[in-house]
N, C-alpha and C. Protein backbone atom coordinates (compact mmCIF):
# COMPACT_ATOMS: atom_id res chain seq x y z
N MET A 1 10.16 13.42 -9.00
CA MET A 1 9.22 14.35 -8.43
C MET A 1 8.56 15.12 -9.57
N ALA A 2 7.30 15.45 -9.35
CA ALA A 2 6.56 16.19 -10.37
C ALA A 2 5.66 17.20 -9.70
N ASN A 3 5.35 18.25 -10.40
CA ASN A 3 4.41 19.25 -9.93
C ASN A 3 3.03 18.91 -10.47
N SER A 4 2.34 18.02 -9.80
CA SER A 4 1.01 17.62 -10.23
C SER A 4 0.25 17.11 -9.02
N PRO A 5 -1.08 17.03 -9.13
CA PRO A 5 -1.86 16.49 -8.01
C PRO A 5 -1.51 15.03 -7.76
N ARG A 6 -1.75 14.60 -6.55
CA ARG A 6 -1.56 13.18 -6.23
C ARG A 6 -2.62 12.36 -6.96
N PRO A 7 -2.30 11.13 -7.32
CA PRO A 7 -3.31 10.29 -7.97
C PRO A 7 -4.41 9.93 -6.99
N GLY A 8 -5.63 9.84 -7.47
CA GLY A 8 -6.75 9.51 -6.61
C GLY A 8 -6.92 8.02 -6.40
N LEU A 9 -6.72 7.24 -7.43
CA LEU A 9 -6.95 5.80 -7.38
C LEU A 9 -5.76 5.12 -8.02
N TRP A 10 -5.02 4.33 -7.22
CA TRP A 10 -3.82 3.71 -7.78
C TRP A 10 -3.39 2.51 -6.94
N VAL A 11 -2.48 1.73 -7.52
CA VAL A 11 -1.97 0.53 -6.87
C VAL A 11 -0.45 0.60 -6.83
N LEU A 12 0.12 0.39 -5.67
CA LEU A 12 1.56 0.24 -5.53
C LEU A 12 1.84 -1.25 -5.68
N GLU A 13 2.63 -1.60 -6.69
CA GLU A 13 2.95 -3.01 -6.94
C GLU A 13 4.42 -3.26 -6.66
N ARG A 14 4.74 -4.52 -6.43
CA ARG A 14 6.13 -4.91 -6.21
C ARG A 14 6.42 -6.20 -6.95
N SER A 15 7.69 -6.38 -7.23
CA SER A 15 8.16 -7.62 -7.83
C SER A 15 9.20 -8.22 -6.89
N THR A 16 9.18 -9.52 -6.76
CA THR A 16 10.21 -10.21 -5.98
C THR A 16 11.03 -11.13 -6.87
N ASP A 17 10.81 -11.03 -8.19
CA ASP A 17 11.54 -11.87 -9.14
C ASP A 17 12.18 -11.02 -10.24
N TYR A 18 12.66 -9.85 -9.84
CA TYR A 18 13.38 -8.95 -10.74
C TYR A 18 12.56 -8.51 -11.95
N GLY A 19 11.27 -8.25 -11.72
CA GLY A 19 10.42 -7.67 -12.75
C GLY A 19 9.69 -8.64 -13.65
N LYS A 20 9.80 -9.93 -13.39
CA LYS A 20 9.07 -10.90 -14.22
C LYS A 20 7.57 -10.82 -13.94
N THR A 21 7.22 -10.71 -12.68
CA THR A 21 5.82 -10.58 -12.28
C THR A 21 5.71 -9.49 -11.21
N TYR A 22 4.51 -8.95 -11.11
CA TYR A 22 4.23 -7.92 -10.10
C TYR A 22 2.95 -8.27 -9.36
N LYS A 23 2.92 -7.94 -8.07
CA LYS A 23 1.75 -8.17 -7.23
C LYS A 23 1.42 -6.87 -6.50
N PRO A 24 0.13 -6.66 -6.18
CA PRO A 24 -0.23 -5.48 -5.39
C PRO A 24 0.46 -5.51 -4.03
N TRP A 25 0.94 -4.34 -3.61
CA TRP A 25 1.58 -4.17 -2.31
C TRP A 25 0.68 -3.34 -1.40
N GLN A 26 0.06 -2.32 -2.00
CA GLN A 26 -0.90 -1.50 -1.27
C GLN A 26 -1.78 -0.78 -2.28
N TYR A 27 -3.05 -0.62 -1.90
CA TYR A 27 -4.01 0.09 -2.73
C TYR A 27 -4.25 1.49 -2.15
N PHE A 28 -4.61 2.42 -3.04
CA PHE A 28 -4.93 3.78 -2.62
C PHE A 28 -6.19 4.24 -3.34
N ALA A 29 -7.06 4.90 -2.60
CA ALA A 29 -8.30 5.42 -3.17
C ALA A 29 -8.71 6.67 -2.40
N GLU A 30 -9.61 7.45 -2.99
CA GLU A 30 -10.06 8.69 -2.36
C GLU A 30 -10.95 8.43 -1.15
N ASN A 31 -11.66 7.29 -1.13
CA ASN A 31 -12.53 6.97 0.00
C ASN A 31 -12.70 5.45 0.09
N MET A 32 -13.26 5.00 1.20
CA MET A 32 -13.39 3.56 1.42
C MET A 32 -14.37 2.91 0.45
N ALA A 33 -15.35 3.64 -0.03
CA ALA A 33 -16.27 3.08 -1.02
C ALA A 33 -15.51 2.71 -2.29
N GLN A 34 -14.57 3.57 -2.71
CA GLN A 34 -13.74 3.25 -3.88
C GLN A 34 -12.83 2.06 -3.59
N CYS A 35 -12.31 1.98 -2.38
CA CYS A 35 -11.47 0.83 -2.02
C CYS A 35 -12.22 -0.47 -2.29
N GLU A 36 -13.44 -0.54 -1.78
CA GLU A 36 -14.22 -1.76 -1.92
C GLU A 36 -14.66 -1.99 -3.37
N GLU A 37 -15.03 -0.93 -4.07
CA GLU A 37 -15.49 -1.08 -5.45
C GLU A 37 -14.38 -1.56 -6.38
N PHE A 38 -13.20 -0.99 -6.26
CA PHE A 38 -12.14 -1.29 -7.21
C PHE A 38 -11.18 -2.39 -6.75
N PHE A 39 -11.04 -2.58 -5.44
CA PHE A 39 -10.05 -3.54 -4.94
C PHE A 39 -10.65 -4.66 -4.12
N GLY A 40 -11.97 -4.66 -3.94
CA GLY A 40 -12.64 -5.72 -3.22
C GLY A 40 -12.82 -5.42 -1.74
N PRO A 41 -13.78 -6.10 -1.12
CA PRO A 41 -14.10 -5.81 0.29
C PRO A 41 -12.95 -6.10 1.25
N ASP A 42 -12.09 -7.05 0.94
CA ASP A 42 -10.98 -7.36 1.84
C ASP A 42 -9.99 -6.20 1.96
N SER A 43 -9.92 -5.36 0.94
CA SER A 43 -8.95 -4.27 0.96
C SER A 43 -9.26 -3.22 2.02
N SER A 44 -10.51 -3.16 2.48
CA SER A 44 -10.89 -2.15 3.46
C SER A 44 -10.97 -2.70 4.88
N GLN A 45 -10.58 -3.95 5.05
CA GLN A 45 -10.59 -4.57 6.38
C GLN A 45 -9.37 -4.15 7.18
N PRO A 46 -9.45 -4.21 8.50
CA PRO A 46 -8.26 -3.93 9.32
C PRO A 46 -7.16 -4.94 9.01
N ILE A 47 -5.93 -4.55 9.27
CA ILE A 47 -4.80 -5.45 9.04
C ILE A 47 -4.83 -6.56 10.07
N LEU A 48 -5.04 -7.78 9.62
CA LEU A 48 -5.10 -8.93 10.51
C LEU A 48 -3.86 -9.80 10.41
N ASP A 49 -3.14 -9.68 9.31
CA ASP A 49 -1.97 -10.52 9.08
C ASP A 49 -0.83 -9.65 8.56
N ASP A 50 0.38 -10.13 8.74
CA ASP A 50 1.56 -9.35 8.35
C ASP A 50 1.66 -9.13 6.85
N ASP A 51 0.98 -9.94 6.05
CA ASP A 51 1.07 -9.78 4.60
C ASP A 51 -0.26 -9.35 3.97
N SER A 52 -1.13 -8.76 4.77
CA SER A 52 -2.40 -8.25 4.24
C SER A 52 -2.14 -7.06 3.32
N VAL A 53 -2.80 -7.07 2.17
CA VAL A 53 -2.73 -5.93 1.24
C VAL A 53 -3.96 -5.09 1.50
N ILE A 54 -3.74 -3.86 1.95
CA ILE A 54 -4.84 -3.01 2.38
C ILE A 54 -4.98 -1.80 1.47
N CYS A 55 -6.09 -1.10 1.63
CA CYS A 55 -6.35 0.12 0.88
C CYS A 55 -6.27 1.31 1.84
N SER A 56 -5.56 2.33 1.42
CA SER A 56 -5.39 3.54 2.22
C SER A 56 -6.03 4.73 1.50
N THR A 57 -6.62 5.61 2.28
CA THR A 57 -7.17 6.85 1.72
C THR A 57 -6.32 8.05 2.13
N ASP A 58 -5.22 7.81 2.80
CA ASP A 58 -4.40 8.89 3.35
C ASP A 58 -3.78 9.80 2.31
N TYR A 59 -3.36 9.28 1.18
CA TYR A 59 -2.59 10.09 0.22
C TYR A 59 -3.26 10.18 -1.14
N SER A 60 -4.56 10.09 -1.19
CA SER A 60 -5.26 10.11 -2.47
C SER A 60 -6.16 11.32 -2.65
N GLN A 61 -6.03 12.29 -1.79
CA GLN A 61 -6.79 13.52 -1.96
C GLN A 61 -6.07 14.41 -2.96
N ILE A 62 -6.81 15.03 -3.84
CA ILE A 62 -6.21 15.86 -4.89
C ILE A 62 -5.48 17.07 -4.30
N VAL A 63 -6.02 17.64 -3.23
CA VAL A 63 -5.37 18.79 -2.58
C VAL A 63 -4.24 18.25 -1.71
N PRO A 64 -3.06 18.78 -1.79
CA PRO A 64 -2.62 19.96 -2.51
C PRO A 64 -2.46 19.66 -4.01
N LEU A 65 -2.64 20.69 -4.81
CA LEU A 65 -2.56 20.51 -6.26
C LEU A 65 -1.12 20.40 -6.75
N GLU A 66 -0.16 20.84 -5.96
CA GLU A 66 1.25 20.73 -6.32
C GLU A 66 2.04 20.24 -5.12
N ASN A 67 3.12 19.55 -5.42
CA ASN A 67 4.08 19.10 -4.40
C ASN A 67 3.45 18.24 -3.31
N GLY A 68 2.42 17.50 -3.62
CA GLY A 68 1.80 16.59 -2.66
C GLY A 68 2.66 15.35 -2.51
N GLN A 69 3.19 15.15 -1.33
CA GLN A 69 4.07 14.00 -1.11
C GLN A 69 3.26 12.79 -0.69
N ILE A 70 3.80 11.62 -0.99
CA ILE A 70 3.17 10.35 -0.63
C ILE A 70 4.19 9.55 0.15
N TYR A 71 3.83 9.18 1.38
CA TYR A 71 4.71 8.38 2.22
C TYR A 71 4.12 6.98 2.33
N ILE A 72 4.92 6.00 2.02
CA ILE A 72 4.47 4.61 2.10
C ILE A 72 5.09 3.99 3.34
N THR A 73 4.25 3.54 4.25
CA THR A 73 4.73 2.88 5.45
C THR A 73 4.17 1.47 5.47
N LEU A 74 5.00 0.52 5.16
CA LEU A 74 4.54 -0.86 5.05
C LEU A 74 4.39 -1.56 6.40
N LEU A 75 5.05 -1.06 7.44
CA LEU A 75 5.03 -1.74 8.73
C LEU A 75 3.94 -1.26 9.68
N ASN A 76 3.43 -0.05 9.48
CA ASN A 76 2.43 0.49 10.41
C ASN A 76 1.24 -0.45 10.56
N ASN A 77 0.87 -0.68 11.80
CA ASN A 77 -0.31 -1.48 12.18
C ASN A 77 -0.20 -2.96 11.84
N ARG A 78 0.97 -3.43 11.46
CA ARG A 78 1.16 -4.86 11.21
C ARG A 78 1.32 -5.58 12.55
N PRO A 79 0.75 -6.78 12.70
CA PRO A 79 0.82 -7.48 13.99
C PRO A 79 2.23 -7.65 14.54
N ASN A 80 3.21 -7.91 13.69
CA ASN A 80 4.57 -8.16 14.17
C ASN A 80 5.54 -7.03 13.88
N ARG A 81 5.04 -5.81 13.74
CA ARG A 81 5.93 -4.68 13.43
C ARG A 81 7.01 -4.49 14.49
N GLY A 82 6.73 -4.81 15.74
CA GLY A 82 7.71 -4.69 16.82
C GLY A 82 8.60 -5.91 16.95
N ASN A 83 8.36 -6.91 16.11
CA ASN A 83 9.11 -8.16 16.17
C ASN A 83 9.59 -8.54 14.77
N PHE A 84 9.97 -7.53 13.99
CA PHE A 84 10.29 -7.71 12.58
C PHE A 84 11.35 -8.78 12.34
N SER A 85 12.40 -8.79 13.12
CA SER A 85 13.51 -9.72 12.88
C SER A 85 13.12 -11.17 13.10
N HIS A 86 11.99 -11.41 13.76
CA HIS A 86 11.55 -12.78 14.02
C HIS A 86 10.29 -13.16 13.24
N SER A 87 9.84 -12.29 12.36
CA SER A 87 8.64 -12.57 11.58
C SER A 87 9.02 -12.78 10.11
N GLU A 88 9.13 -14.02 9.72
CA GLU A 88 9.49 -14.33 8.34
C GLU A 88 8.44 -13.80 7.36
N LYS A 89 7.17 -13.89 7.73
CA LYS A 89 6.09 -13.42 6.85
C LYS A 89 6.20 -11.91 6.62
N LEU A 90 6.50 -11.14 7.67
CA LEU A 90 6.63 -9.70 7.52
C LEU A 90 7.88 -9.33 6.74
N GLN A 91 8.95 -10.05 6.95
CA GLN A 91 10.17 -9.81 6.18
C GLN A 91 9.93 -10.06 4.70
N GLU A 92 9.23 -11.13 4.38
CA GLU A 92 8.91 -11.43 2.98
C GLU A 92 7.98 -10.38 2.39
N PHE A 93 7.03 -9.88 3.20
CA PHE A 93 6.09 -8.87 2.72
C PHE A 93 6.80 -7.56 2.36
N THR A 94 7.84 -7.22 3.05
CA THR A 94 8.54 -5.96 2.78
C THR A 94 9.65 -6.10 1.75
N GLU A 95 9.86 -7.28 1.24
CA GLU A 95 10.93 -7.54 0.26
C GLU A 95 10.46 -7.20 -1.15
N ALA A 96 11.35 -6.57 -1.90
CA ALA A 96 11.06 -6.26 -3.31
C ALA A 96 12.36 -6.17 -4.08
N THR A 97 12.31 -6.57 -5.34
CA THR A 97 13.47 -6.42 -6.22
C THR A 97 13.24 -5.30 -7.22
N ASN A 98 12.00 -5.03 -7.56
CA ASN A 98 11.63 -3.94 -8.49
C ASN A 98 10.39 -3.26 -7.97
């Protein structure tokens, strides 16, 4: 934890091979225009598949200047969020080693 503003533009990455490689898990930007500019037009589309990598603007506002928490919810709005135990694609999407 740190006493600093939340980052405005950033990428949450994950590894599934113990840190050998990393892939984007979710993008964050201050607005949807930044999502499209920096992460491509697909990042601002609605979630259509369980392994879609999307861009969120929820936690990229500078205010509050201190103690701004960031909550990452990987299952929200996923097609099979209510059927997690039977969705291999969603299980793989939420898996990480690093």
